[in-house]
Amino acid sequence: MPGIKVDKGLVPLPGSNNESWCQGLDGLASRCAEYYKQGARFAKWSVHTSLIHVSTNLICASFLKLL
């Protein structure tokens, strides 16, 4: 059964020290509809983060709560 990875990979986390987080929620529904038309029957989302400092981890946690 064909599937597709739908996250868009890591991007820099604003206000951090070279840390990053996963992006891709913007436009996810329309991308999935297009992938379905192309034959994909499941989607995979991989959450990746790169966290270095405890203080920045708190920024990340606060940022994710906004989503």
PDB file of N, CA and C in Angstrom:
ATOM      1  N   MET A   1       0.848  -1.172   0.000  1.00  0.00           N
ATOM      2  CA  MET A   1       0.000   0.000   0.000  1.00  0.00           C
ATOM      3  C   MET A   1       0.897   1.241   0.000  1.00  0.00           C
ATOM      4  N   PRO A   2       0.758   2.138  -0.979  1.00  0.00           N
ATOM      5  CA  PRO A   2       1.606   3.327  -1.038  1.00  0.00           C
ATOM      6  C   PRO A   2       1.212   4.382  -0.014  1.00  0.00           C
ATOM      7  N   GLY A   3       2.213   5.038   0.537  1.00  0.00           N
ATOM      8  CA  GLY A   3       1.996   6.109   1.497  1.00  0.00           C
ATOM      9  C   GLY A   3       2.987   7.233   1.255  1.00  0.00           C
ATOM     10  N   ILE A   4       2.868   8.267   2.052  1.00  0.00           N
ATOM     11  CA  ILE A   4       3.724   9.440   1.873  1.00  0.00           C
ATOM     12  C   ILE A   4       4.052  10.068   3.227  1.00  0.00           C
ATOM     13  N   LYS A   5       5.275  10.588   3.350  1.00  0.00           N
ATOM     14  CA  LYS A   5       5.687  11.351   4.530  1.00  0.00           C
ATOM     15  C   LYS A   5       5.204  12.784   4.310  1.00  0.00           C
ATOM     16  N   VAL A   6       4.443  13.338   5.243  1.00  0.00           N
ATOM     17  CA  VAL A   6       3.817  14.634   5.018  1.00  0.00           C
ATOM     18  C   VAL A   6       4.426  15.807   5.791  1.00  0.00           C
ATOM     19  N   ASP A   7       5.308  15.542   6.752  1.00  0.00           N
ATOM     20  CA  ASP A   7       5.958  16.673   7.405  1.00  0.00           C
ATOM     21  C   ASP A   7       6.969  17.274   6.424  1.00  0.00           C
ATOM     22  N   LYS A   8       7.351  18.527   6.667  1.00  0.00           N
ATOM     23  CA  LYS A   8       8.255  19.222   5.758  1.00  0.00           C
ATOM     24  C   LYS A   8       9.671  19.364   6.314  1.00  0.00           C
ATOM     25  N   GLY A   9       9.988  18.589   7.327  1.00  0.00           N
ATOM     26  CA  GLY A   9      11.343  18.617   7.861  1.00  0.00           C
ATOM     27  C   GLY A   9      11.563  19.686   8.915  1.00  0.00           C
ATOM     28  N   LEU A  10      12.820  19.849   9.297  1.00  0.00           N
ATOM     29  CA  LEU A  10      13.182  20.765  10.371  1.00  0.00           C
ATOM     30  C   LEU A  10      13.442  22.179   9.871  1.00  0.00           C
ATOM     31  N   VAL A  11      13.068  23.139  10.707  1.00  0.00           N
ATOM     32  CA  VAL A  11      13.365  24.551  10.473  1.00  0.00           C
ATOM     33  C   VAL A  11      13.897  25.128  11.783  1.00  0.00           C
ATOM     34  N   PRO A  12      14.666  26.217  11.714  1.00  0.00           N
ATOM     35  CA  PRO A  12      15.176  26.831  12.940  1.00  0.00           C
ATOM     36  C   PRO A  12      14.035  27.285  13.852  1.00  0.00           C
ATOM     37  N   LEU A  13      14.214  27.075  15.131  1.00  0.00           N
ATOM     38  CA  LEU A  13      13.248  27.511  16.135  1.00  0.00           C
ATOM     39  C   LEU A  13      13.555  28.963  16.494  1.00  0.00           C
ATOM     40  N   PRO A  14      12.616  29.882  16.242  1.00  0.00           N
ATOM     41  CA  PRO A  14      12.863  31.299  16.535  1.00  0.00           C
ATOM     42  C   PRO A  14      13.245  31.523  18.003  1.00  0.00           C
ATOM     43  N   GLY A  15      14.227  32.363  18.219  1.00  0.00           N
ATOM     44  CA  GLY A  15      14.650  32.706  19.572  1.00  0.00           C
ATOM     45  C   GLY A  15      15.492  31.644  20.246  1.00  0.00           C
ATOM     46  N   SER A  16      15.977  30.665  19.487  1.00  0.00           N
ATOM     47  CA  SER A  16      16.758  29.583  20.092  1.00  0.00           C
ATOM     48  C   SER A  16      18.226  29.697  19.717  1.00  0.00           C
ATOM     49  N   ASN A  17      19.017  28.782  20.250  1.00  0.00           N
ATOM     50  CA  ASN A  17      20.448  28.723  19.982  1.00  0.00           C
ATOM     51  C   ASN A  17      20.724  27.511  19.084  1.00  0.00           C
ATOM     52  N   ASN A  18      20.489  27.665  17.795  1.00  0.00           N
ATOM     53  CA  ASN A  18      20.703  26.597  16.812  1.00  0.00           C
ATOM     54  C   ASN A  18      19.835  25.371  17.051  1.00  0.00           C
ATOM     55  N   GLU A  19      18.631  25.561  17.590  1.00  0.00           N
ATOM     56  CA  GLU A  19      17.699  24.460  17.773  1.00  0.00           C
ATOM     57  C   GLU A  19      16.668  24.502  16.654  1.00  0.00           C
ATOM     58  N   SER A  20      15.997  23.385  16.444  1.00  0.00           N
ATOM     59  CA  SER A  20      15.035  23.324  15.352  1.00  0.00           C
ATOM     60  C   SER A  20      13.832  22.487  15.746  1.00  0.00           C
ATOM     61  N   TRP A  21      12.780  22.592  14.925  1.00  0.00           N
ATOM     62  CA  TRP A  21      11.574  21.801  15.144  1.00  0.00           C
ATOM     63  C   TRP A  21      10.939  21.504  13.799  1.00  0.00           C
ATOM     64  N   CYS A  22       9.971  20.613  13.800  1.00  0.00           N
ATOM     65  CA  CYS A  22       9.356  20.119  12.574  1.00  0.00           C
ATOM     66  C   CYS A  22       8.260  21.075  12.084  1.00  0.00           C
ATOM     67  N   GLN A  23       8.152  21.218  10.752  1.00  0.00           N
ATOM     68  CA  GLN A  23       7.115  22.063  10.160  1.00  0.00           C
ATOM     69  C   GLN A  23       6.261  21.242   9.201  1.00  0.00           C
ATOM     70  N   GLY A  24       5.148  21.807   8.752  1.00  0.00           N
ATOM     71  CA  GLY A  24       4.351  21.151   7.736  1.00  0.00           C
ATOM     72  C   GLY A  24       2.853  21.142   7.961  1.00  0.00           C
ATOM     73  N   LEU A  25       2.361  21.728   9.048  1.00  0.00           N
ATOM     74  CA  LEU A  25       0.914  21.741   9.266  1.00  0.00           C
ATOM     75  C   LEU A  25       0.202  22.660   8.282  1.00  0.00           C
ATOM     76  N   ASP A  26       0.872  23.721   7.843  1.00  0.00           N
ATOM     77  CA  ASP A  26       0.264  24.634   6.872  1.00  0.00           C
ATOM     78  C   ASP A  26      -0.006  23.885   5.575  1.00  0.00           C
ATOM     79  N   GLY A  27      -1.245  23.888   5.134  1.00  0.00           N
ATOM     80  CA  GLY A  27      -1.605  23.247   3.874  1.00  0.00           C
ATOM     81  C   GLY A  27      -1.643  21.732   3.902  1.00  0.00           C
ATOM     82  N   LEU A  28      -1.608  21.146   5.095  1.00  0.00           N
ATOM     83  CA  LEU A  28      -1.560  19.686   5.203  1.00  0.00           C
ATOM     84  C   LEU A  28      -2.766  19.012   4.562  1.00  0.00           C
ATOM     85  N   ALA A  29      -3.961  19.530   4.785  1.00  0.00           N
ATOM     86  CA  ALA A  29      -5.168  18.902   4.236  1.00  0.00           C
ATOM     87  C   ALA A  29      -5.141  18.880   2.711  1.00  0.00           C
ATOM     88  N   SER A  30      -4.771  19.999   2.096  1.00  0.00           N
ATOM     89  CA  SER A  30      -4.745  20.037   0.631  1.00  0.00           C
ATOM     90  C   SER A  30      -3.633  19.165   0.063  1.00  0.00           C
ATOM     91  N   ARG A  31      -2.483  19.122   0.744  1.00  0.00           N
ATOM     92  CA  ARG A  31      -1.407  18.227   0.281  1.00  0.00           C
ATOM     93  C   ARG A  31      -1.843  16.779   0.357  1.00  0.00           C
ATOM     94  N   CYS A  32      -2.512  16.406   1.452  1.00  0.00           N
ATOM     95  CA  CYS A  32      -2.961  15.018   1.607  1.00  0.00           C
ATOM     96  C   CYS A  32      -4.000  14.664   0.547  1.00  0.00           C
ATOM     97  N   ALA A  33      -4.891  15.590   0.228  1.00  0.00           N
ATOM     98  CA  ALA A  33      -5.890  15.339  -0.820  1.00  0.00           C
ATOM     99  C   ALA A  33      -5.192  15.093  -2.158  1.00  0.00           C
ATOM    100  N   GLU A  34      -4.162  15.873  -2.445  1.00  0.00           N
ATOM    101  CA  GLU A  34      -3.424  15.700  -3.703  1.00  0.00           C
ATOM    102  C   GLU A  34      -2.657  14.371  -3.707  1.00  0.00           C
ATOM    103  N   TYR A  35      -2.042  14.024  -2.582  1.00  0.00           N
ATOM    104  CA  TYR A  35      -1.332  12.737  -2.487  1.00  0.00           C
ATOM    105  C   TYR A  35      -2.300  11.571  -2.675  1.00  0.00           C
ATOM    106  N   TYR A  36      -3.514  11.707  -2.150  1.00  0.00           N
ATOM    107  CA  TYR A  36      -4.529  10.664  -2.302  1.00  0.00           C
ATOM    108  C   TYR A  36      -4.875  10.484  -3.779  1.00  0.00           C
ATOM    109  N   LYS A  37      -5.038  11.605  -4.495  1.00  0.00           N
ATOM    110  CA  LYS A  37      -5.316  11.533  -5.934  1.00  0.00           C
ATOM    111  C   LYS A  37      -4.187  10.829  -6.685  1.00  0.00           C
ATOM    112  N   GLN A  38      -2.960  10.962  -6.158  1.00  0.00           N
ATOM    113  CA  GLN A  38      -1.801  10.350  -6.799  1.00  0.00           C
ATOM    114  C   GLN A  38      -1.600   8.897  -6.364  1.00  0.00           C
ATOM    115  N   GLY A  39      -2.476   8.387  -5.483  1.00  0.00           N
ATOM    116  CA  GLY A  39      -2.416   6.979  -5.111  1.00  0.00           C
ATOM    117  C   GLY A  39      -2.003   6.665  -3.687  1.00  0.00           C
ATOM    118  N   ALA A  40      -1.579   7.660  -2.915  1.00  0.00           N
ATOM    119  CA  ALA A  40      -1.190   7.406  -1.519  1.00  0.00           C
ATOM    120  C   ALA A  40      -2.437   7.059  -0.700  1.00  0.00           C
ATOM    121  N   ARG A  41      -2.305   6.063   0.168  1.00  0.00           N
ATOM    122  CA  ARG A  41      -3.443   5.643   0.979  1.00  0.00           C
ATOM    123  C   ARG A  41      -3.181   5.766   2.475  1.00  0.00           C
ATOM    124  N   PHE A  42      -2.013   6.243   2.839  1.00  0.00           N
ATOM    125  CA  PHE A  42      -1.744   6.576   4.234  1.00  0.00           C
ATOM    126  C   PHE A  42      -0.679   7.659   4.266  1.00  0.00           C
ATOM    127  N   ALA A  43      -0.639   8.367   5.371  1.00  0.00           N
ATOM    128  CA  ALA A  43       0.343   9.435   5.550  1.00  0.00           C
ATOM    129  C   ALA A  43       1.115   9.189   6.836  1.00  0.00           C
ATOM    130  N   LYS A  44       2.375   9.590   6.828  1.00  0.00           N
ATOM    131  CA  LYS A  44       3.244   9.451   7.997  1.00  0.00           C
ATOM    132  C   LYS A  44       3.748  10.842   8.378  1.00  0.00           C
ATOM    133  N   TRP A  45       3.636  11.157   9.654  1.00  0.00           N
ATOM    134  CA  TRP A  45       4.159  12.418  10.182  1.00  0.00           C
ATOM    135  C   TRP A  45       5.257  12.083  11.162  1.00  0.00           C
ATOM    136  N   SER A  46       6.441  12.599  10.927  1.00  0.00           N
ATOM    137  CA  SER A  46       7.570  12.373  11.833  1.00  0.00           C
ATOM    138  C   SER A  46       7.872  13.680  12.544  1.00  0.00           C
ATOM    139  N   VAL A  47       7.835  13.661  13.862  1.00  0.00           N
ATOM    140  CA  VAL A  47       8.173  14.858  14.622  1.00  0.00           C
ATOM    141  C   VAL A  47       9.622  14.745  15.054  1.00  0.00           C
ATOM    142  N   HIS A  48      10.407  15.699  14.591  1.00  0.00           N
ATOM    143  CA  HIS A  48      11.820  15.741  14.926  1.00  0.00           C
ATOM    144  C   HIS A  48      12.102  17.076  15.583  1.00  0.00           C
ATOM    145  N   THR A  49      12.931  17.061  16.576  1.00  0.00           N
ATOM    146  CA  THR A  49      13.364  18.304  17.209  1.00  0.00           C
ATOM    147  C   THR A  49      14.844  18.224  17.482  1.00  0.00           C
ATOM    148  N   SER A  50      15.457  19.351  17.613  1.00  0.00           N
ATOM    149  CA  SER A  50      16.855  19.442  17.996  1.00  0.00           C
ATOM    150  C   SER A  50      16.933  20.474  19.107  1.00  0.00           C
ATOM    151  N   LEU A  51      16.984  20.002  20.359  1.00  0.00           N
ATOM    152  CA  LEU A  51      16.970  20.893  21.519  1.00  0.00           C
ATOM    153  C   LEU A  51      18.298  20.805  22.245  1.00  0.00           C
ATOM    154  N   ILE A  52      18.831  21.958  22.628  1.00  0.00           N
ATOM    155  CA  ILE A  52      20.161  22.003  23.221  1.00  0.00           C
ATOM    156  C   ILE A  52      20.136  22.428  24.687  1.00  0.00           C
ATOM    157  N   HIS A  53      19.427  23.515  25.006  1.00  0.00           N
ATOM    158  CA  HIS A  53      19.473  24.088  26.349  1.00  0.00           C
ATOM    159  C   HIS A  53      18.112  24.000  27.030  1.00  0.00           C
ATOM    160  N   VAL A  54      18.132  23.855  28.347  1.00  0.00           N
ATOM    161  CA  VAL A  54      16.895  23.762  29.104  1.00  0.00           C
ATOM    162  C   VAL A  54      16.046  25.012  28.918  1.00  0.00           C
ATOM    163  N   SER A  55      16.637  26.183  28.961  1.00  0.00           N
ATOM    164  CA  SER A  55      15.873  27.416  28.820  1.00  0.00           C
ATOM    165  C   SER A  55      15.195  27.484  27.452  1.00  0.00           C
ATOM    166  N   THR A  56      15.873  27.027  26.412  1.00  0.00           N
ATOM    167  CA  THR A  56      15.288  27.029  25.076  1.00  0.00           C
ATOM    168  C   THR A  56      14.203  25.969  24.979  1.00  0.00           C
ATOM    169  N   ASN A  57      14.355  24.868  25.698  1.00  0.00           N
ATOM    170  CA  ASN A  57      13.306  23.859  25.701  1.00  0.00           C
ATOM    171  C   ASN A  57      12.003  24.446  26.224  1.00  0.00           C
ATOM    172  N   LEU A  58      12.093  25.334  27.195  1.00  0.00           N
ATOM    173  CA  LEU A  58      10.901  25.990  27.716  1.00  0.00           C
ATOM    174  C   LEU A  58      10.288  26.898  26.654  1.00  0.00           C
ATOM    175  N   ILE A  59      11.143  27.576  25.878  1.00  0.00           N
ATOM    176  CA  ILE A  59      10.645  28.401  24.771  1.00  0.00           C
ATOM    177  C   ILE A  59       9.926  27.516  23.768  1.00  0.00           C
ATOM    178  N   CYS A  60      10.518  26.378  23.449  1.00  0.00           N
ATOM    179  CA  CYS A  60       9.924  25.441  22.497  1.00  0.00           C
ATOM    180  C   CYS A  60       8.569  24.957  23.002  1.00  0.00           C
ATOM    181  N   ALA A  61       8.495  24.581  24.250  1.00  0.00           N
ATOM    182  CA  ALA A  61       7.242  24.089  24.818  1.00  0.00           C
ATOM    183  C   ALA A  61       6.174  25.180  24.757  1.00  0.00           C
ATOM    184  N   SER A  62       6.551  26.409  25.060  1.00  0.00           N
ATOM    185  CA  SER A  62       5.607  27.519  24.990  1.00  0.00           C
ATOM    186  C   SER A  62       5.173  27.768  23.545  1.00  0.00           C
ATOM    187  N   PHE A  63       6.098  27.682  22.608  1.00  0.00           N
ATOM    188  CA  PHE A  63       5.806  27.901  21.205  1.00  0.00           C
ATOM    189  C   PHE A  63       4.836  26.830  20.689  1.00  0.00           C
ATOM    190  N   LEU A  64       5.063  25.583  21.058  1.00  0.00           N
ATOM    191  CA  LEU A  64       4.206  24.495  20.592  1.00  0.00           C
ATOM    192  C   LEU A  64       2.795  24.616  21.146  1.00  0.00           C
ATOM    193  N   LYS A  65       2.641  25.191  22.340  1.00  0.00           N
ATOM    194  CA  LYS A  65       1.310  25.396  22.913  1.00  0.00           C
ATOM    195  C   LYS A  65       0.489  26.376  22.086  1.00  0.00           C
ATOM    196  N   LEU A  66       1.175  27.244  21.342  1.00  0.00           N
ATOM    197  CA  LEU A  66       0.481  28.230  20.514  1.00  0.00           C
ATOM    198  C   LEU A  66      -0.142  27.601  19.283  1.00  0.00           C
ATOM    199  N   LEU A  67       0.319  26.434  18.884  1.00  0.00           N
ATOM    200  CA  LEU A  67      -0.177  25.802  17.653  1.00  0.00           C
ATOM    201  C   LEU A  67      -1.530  25.217  17.801  1.00  0.00           C
TER     202      LEU A  67
END
